[in-house]
Amino acid sequence: MALQAMSALKAAHADYTRAQSYHFPVDYPWPPASLGMPPHTYTLDLSGNGELEFPDRFHYMITVRLGPNIHTEVELISVQGIIYEQDGVHVDFGGTVTPTWSKPKNSQNVLPVDPFRTLQLLRGTLAARDLGDTTIASVRVHQYAMKIDPARLIAEETPALVDPSLRPALADAIQKGTFNVEVWIGIDDHLIRRISIDEARRDTIALHNAEINSAPPPGASDQGIVAITDQIVLNFHDFNSPVTIKPPTVR
């Protein structure tokens, strides 16, 4: 019922936080010391806010924190699965400032939280547990805890790997990982107000580098295991407020 109620919406506002952590083997030279992180530990924190227009587009302002030393702002628009990144401005002779946009060469590294994919994940959940009633922003909600079906994740993620030889490693990582979900649903309107996802898995380094489309650092082996945790909290609010999201002009 909750997904049916969400699909009937025209628009909503959304905000999220995401914390990722990667623990590499002690003989793997990553991350570099210049990032200021503990040895062999790579952390990434994101927070985003924006709006979405059903069924297939969203617009986010995202703050990215990479360890203690790097802090940047990113503006993204996604329309029908195509991501656009605001990468600068153009100033004409009259002084008019116009944002410029491009399509990232590797959109996997942009790391937005796709609200539509997150909602779809709820269709593949198992073992729902009732956690009772609470409130979010003065709205009465009911809370549930579930697990994501690993078979569904394998079916969705393995076709995206360019190297088919890595698909068994991905399936193994998903089968042995943990993928927990909590969801808060409005008692009166049946709208989803919050989704929390907590994932933990262990990838081979070769698989990890393939997923982020990145080569190993100089002198590094693609052998070994990287332990990954990913925590996402996605909130929906201001349902059916005026929202218009269009693809930007790409330079």
Protein backbone atom coordinates (compact mmCIF):
# COMPACT_ATOMS: atom_id res chain seq x y z
CA MET A 1 0.00 0.00 0.00
CA ALA A 2 2.85 2.42 0.82
CA LEU A 3 4.49 2.03 -2.61
CA GLN A 4 1.11 2.46 -4.30
CA ALA A 5 0.57 5.69 -2.36
CA MET A 6 4.04 6.97 -3.33
CA SER A 7 3.57 6.13 -7.01
CA ALA A 8 0.38 8.20 -7.06
CA LEU A 9 2.32 11.32 -6.05
CA LYS A 10 3.46 13.96 -8.53
CA ALA A 11 6.39 15.30 -6.51
CA ALA A 12 8.11 15.42 -3.14
CA HIS A 13 11.11 16.94 -1.45
CA ALA A 14 13.86 14.68 -0.19
CA ASP A 15 17.01 14.83 1.90
CA TYR A 16 19.54 12.18 2.76
CA THR A 17 22.76 11.30 4.50
CA ARG A 18 25.17 8.60 3.38
CA ALA A 19 28.27 7.28 5.12
CA GLN A 20 30.58 4.83 3.39
CA SER A 21 33.69 3.17 4.75
CA TYR A 22 36.24 0.96 2.99
CA HIS A 23 38.88 -1.05 4.86
CA PHE A 24 41.73 -2.27 2.64
CA PRO A 25 44.40 -4.92 3.36
CA VAL A 26 47.47 -3.66 5.19
CA ASP A 27 49.65 -4.19 2.10
CA TYR A 28 47.34 -2.19 -0.18
CA PRO A 29 48.66 1.41 -0.68
CA TRP A 30 45.36 3.23 -0.34
CA PRO A 31 44.26 5.82 0.65
CA PRO A 32 47.16 8.27 0.27
CA ALA A 33 48.35 9.93 3.47
CA SER A 34 47.42 13.35 2.05
CA LEU A 35 43.73 12.56 2.62
CA GLY A 36 44.34 12.49 6.37
CA MET A 37 42.57 9.18 6.99
CA PRO A 38 43.71 6.26 9.14
CA PRO A 39 45.95 3.81 7.27
CA HIS A 40 44.07 1.53 4.86
CA THR A 41 40.71 3.15 5.73
CA TYR A 42 38.81 5.28 3.23
CA THR A 43 35.71 7.17 4.40
CA LEU A 44 33.16 9.17 2.45
CA ASP A 45 30.26 11.16 3.90
CA LEU A 46 27.52 12.77 1.83
CA SER A 47 24.46 14.82 2.63
CA GLY A 48 21.97 15.92 0.02
CA ASN A 49 18.71 17.78 -0.25
CA GLY A 50 16.45 18.56 -3.14
CA GLU A 51 13.31 17.49 -4.88
CA LEU A 52 11.97 14.68 -6.99
CA GLU A 53 9.33 14.47 -9.67
CA PHE A 54 7.67 11.11 -10.17
CA PRO A 55 8.34 8.79 -11.83
CA ASP A 56 11.92 9.35 -12.98
CA ARG A 57 13.73 12.59 -12.11
CA PHE A 58 15.40 14.31 -9.16
CA HIS A 59 17.49 17.40 -8.44
CA TYR A 60 19.98 17.43 -5.54
CA MET A 61 22.45 19.73 -3.88
CA ILE A 62 25.08 17.46 -2.33
CA THR A 63 27.85 18.09 0.19
CA VAL A 64 30.73 15.62 -0.09
CA ARG A 65 33.26 15.10 2.71
CA LEU A 66 36.23 12.90 1.95
CA GLY A 67 38.07 12.35 5.21
CA PRO A 68 38.93 15.49 7.22
CA ASN A 69 40.67 17.35 4.38
CA ILE A 70 38.29 17.48 1.40
CA HIS A 71 34.90 19.19 1.39
CA THR A 72 33.04 20.06 -1.81
CA GLU A 73 29.57 20.92 -3.09
CA VAL A 74 27.93 19.19 -6.06
CA GLU A 75 24.67 19.94 -7.89
CA LEU A 76 23.08 17.06 -9.79
CA ILE A 77 20.04 16.54 -11.97
CA SER A 78 18.91 13.05 -12.95
CA VAL A 79 16.30 12.55 -15.68
CA GLN A 80 15.28 9.06 -16.80
CA GLY A 81 18.47 7.63 -15.33
CA ILE A 82 20.80 10.14 -17.03
CA ILE A 83 22.86 12.21 -14.57
CA TYR A 84 23.93 15.81 -15.22
CA GLU A 85 26.49 17.61 -13.05
CA GLN A 86 26.75 21.38 -12.68
CA ASP A 87 30.43 21.99 -13.42
CA GLY A 88 30.87 25.76 -13.65
CA VAL A 89 29.31 28.99 -14.87
CA HIS A 90 29.30 31.04 -18.05
CA VAL A 91 29.39 34.84 -17.82
CA ASP A 92 28.35 36.76 -20.94
CA PHE A 93 29.34 40.32 -21.87
CA GLY A 94 26.30 41.69 -20.06
CA GLY A 95 27.37 40.03 -16.82
CA THR A 96 24.66 37.38 -16.88
CA VAL A 97 25.81 34.26 -15.06
CA THR A 98 24.51 30.93 -16.38
CA PRO A 99 25.36 27.55 -14.83
CA THR A 100 27.02 25.05 -17.17
CA TRP A 101 26.33 21.33 -17.08
CA SER A 102 28.01 18.15 -18.24
CA LYS A 103 27.42 14.41 -18.12
CA PRO A 104 29.97 12.73 -15.82
CA LYS A 105 32.11 10.19 -17.66
CA ASN A 106 31.64 7.77 -14.78
CA SER A 107 28.34 8.46 -13.04
CA GLN A 108 29.02 5.64 -10.55
CA ASN A 109 31.59 7.87 -8.85
CA VAL A 110 29.05 10.69 -8.34
CA LEU A 111 27.33 8.61 -5.63
CA PRO A 112 23.89 10.18 -5.38
CA VAL A 113 21.20 8.32 -3.47
CA ASP A 114 18.63 7.53 -6.16
CA PRO A 115 15.22 7.89 -4.44
CA PHE A 116 13.43 5.81 -7.07
CA ARG A 117 15.86 2.89 -6.89
CA THR A 118 15.65 3.07 -3.09
CA LEU A 119 11.87 2.82 -3.25
CA GLN A 120 12.11 -0.10 -5.67
CA LEU A 121 14.37 -1.95 -3.22
CA LEU A 122 11.37 -2.21 -0.89
CA ARG A 123 9.70 -4.53 -3.41
CA GLY A 124 12.45 -7.08 -2.80
CA THR A 125 12.43 -7.28 0.99
CA LEU A 126 12.03 -10.27 3.28
CA ALA A 127 11.19 -11.04 6.91
CA ALA A 128 9.36 -7.84 7.83
CA ARG A 129 9.25 -7.04 11.56
CA ASP A 130 6.82 -4.59 13.16
CA LEU A 131 8.69 -2.03 15.32
CA GLY A 132 5.63 -0.05 16.41
CA ASP A 133 4.54 3.59 16.19
CA THR A 134 6.54 6.80 16.50
CA THR A 135 6.56 10.32 15.01
CA ILE A 136 8.67 12.10 12.38
CA ALA A 137 8.32 15.90 12.19
CA SER A 138 5.07 15.65 14.19
CA VAL A 139 3.64 13.08 11.73
CA ARG A 140 2.51 9.76 13.19
CA VAL A 141 4.29 6.88 11.48
CA HIS A 142 4.60 3.12 11.77
CA GLN A 143 8.08 1.57 11.63
CA TYR A 144 9.10 -1.71 10.03
CA ALA A 145 12.42 -3.56 9.71
CA MET A 146 13.21 -5.85 6.76
CA LYS A 147 16.03 -7.51 4.85
CA ILE A 148 16.76 -6.98 1.16
CA ASP A 149 16.42 -10.16 -0.89
CA PRO A 150 19.99 -11.06 -1.99
CA ALA A 151 18.70 -12.88 -5.07
CA ARG A 152 17.07 -9.66 -6.26
CA LEU A 153 20.28 -7.68 -5.66
CA ILE A 154 22.31 -10.23 -7.61
CA ALA A 155 19.86 -10.09 -10.51
CA GLU A 156 20.03 -6.27 -10.57
CA GLU A 157 23.75 -5.70 -10.04
CA THR A 158 25.57 -8.46 -11.90
CA PRO A 159 24.46 -7.42 -15.42
CA ALA A 160 26.02 -3.98 -14.85
CA LEU A 161 29.53 -5.43 -14.56
CA VAL A 162 31.48 -4.94 -17.78
CA ASP A 163 33.74 -7.90 -16.99
CA PRO A 164 31.50 -10.99 -16.79
CA SER A 165 34.28 -12.99 -15.12
CA LEU A 166 33.70 -10.93 -11.95
CA ARG A 167 30.01 -11.76 -11.69
CA PRO A 168 30.53 -14.87 -9.51
CA ALA A 169 32.61 -12.75 -7.08
CA LEU A 170 29.81 -10.17 -6.90
CA ALA A 171 27.16 -12.82 -6.33
CA ASP A 172 29.30 -14.34 -3.55
CA ALA A 173 29.84 -10.93 -1.89
CA ILE A 174 26.10 -10.23 -1.91
CA GLN A 175 25.14 -13.69 -0.63
CA LYS A 176 27.55 -13.36 2.30
CA GLY A 177 26.77 -9.70 3.04
CA THR A 178 24.08 -8.11 5.20
CA PHE A 179 21.47 -5.75 3.78
CA ASN A 180 19.01 -4.37 6.33
CA VAL A 181 16.21 -1.86 5.75
CA GLU A 182 13.94 0.12 8.05
CA VAL A 183 10.98 2.10 6.75
CA TRP A 184 8.63 4.60 8.40
CA ILE A 185 5.13 4.89 6.87
CA GLY A 186 2.54 7.55 7.67
CA ILE A 187 -0.33 6.09 9.69
CA ASP A 188 -2.96 8.38 8.17
CA ASP A 189 -1.75 8.88 4.58
CA HIS A 190 0.31 5.66 4.07
CA LEU A 191 3.16 7.69 2.54
CA ILE A 192 6.75 6.63 3.14
CA ARG A 193 8.46 9.26 5.28
CA ARG A 194 11.87 7.67 5.84
CA ILE A 195 13.98 4.77 4.60
CA SER A 196 17.16 3.64 6.36
CA ILE A 197 19.52 1.15 4.69
CA ASP A 198 22.49 -0.50 6.41
CA GLU A 199 24.76 -2.65 4.23
CA ALA A 200 27.98 -4.54 4.91
CA ARG A 201 29.87 -6.75 2.49
CA ARG A 202 33.35 -7.90 1.52
CA ASP A 203 34.45 -7.44 -2.11
CA THR A 204 37.58 -8.65 -3.80
CA ILE A 205 39.76 -5.68 -4.71
CA ALA A 206 39.42 -6.58 -8.39
CA LEU A 207 35.62 -6.43 -8.05
CA HIS A 208 35.72 -3.17 -6.10
CA ASN A 209 37.90 -1.45 -8.70
CA ALA A 210 35.65 -2.69 -11.50
CA GLU A 211 32.52 -1.38 -9.77
CA ILE A 212 33.96 2.12 -9.39
CA ASN A 213 35.72 1.98 -12.78
CA SER A 214 39.11 2.67 -11.20
CA ALA A 215 42.56 1.15 -11.66
CA PRO A 216 44.61 0.06 -8.62
CA PRO A 217 47.22 2.53 -7.33
CA PRO A 218 50.73 2.13 -8.81
CA GLY A 219 52.36 -1.04 -7.53
CA ALA A 220 49.16 -2.39 -5.98
CA SER A 221 47.82 -5.88 -6.52
CA ASP A 222 44.18 -6.58 -7.28
CA GLN A 223 44.28 -9.50 -4.82
CA GLY A 224 42.82 -9.31 -1.34
CA ILE A 225 39.53 -8.19 0.20
CA VAL A 226 38.06 -4.76 0.93
CA ALA A 227 35.42 -4.59 3.69
CA ILE A 228 32.66 -2.11 2.83
CA THR A 229 29.92 -0.55 4.96
CA ASP A 230 27.25 1.80 3.63
CA GLN A 231 24.60 3.57 5.71
CA ILE A 232 21.86 5.63 4.02
CA VAL A 233 18.99 7.58 5.58
CA LEU A 234 16.52 9.05 3.05
CA ASN A 235 13.64 11.31 4.11
CA PHE A 236 10.59 12.35 2.06
CA HIS A 237 8.46 15.39 2.86
CA ASP A 238 6.45 18.31 1.35
CA PHE A 239 4.52 15.95 -0.89
CA ASN A 240 3.02 17.35 -4.11
CA SER A 241 4.60 20.78 -3.70
CA PRO A 242 5.28 22.52 -7.05
CA VAL A 243 8.30 20.89 -8.73
CA THR A 244 9.53 21.05 -12.33
CA ILE A 245 12.72 19.23 -13.28
CA LYS A 246 14.00 19.34 -16.85
CA PRO A 247 17.24 18.13 -18.46
CA PRO A 248 19.76 21.00 -18.48
CA THR A 249 21.55 22.11 -21.62
CA VAL A 250 24.88 20.31 -21.82
CA ARG A 251 27.82 22.25 -23.16
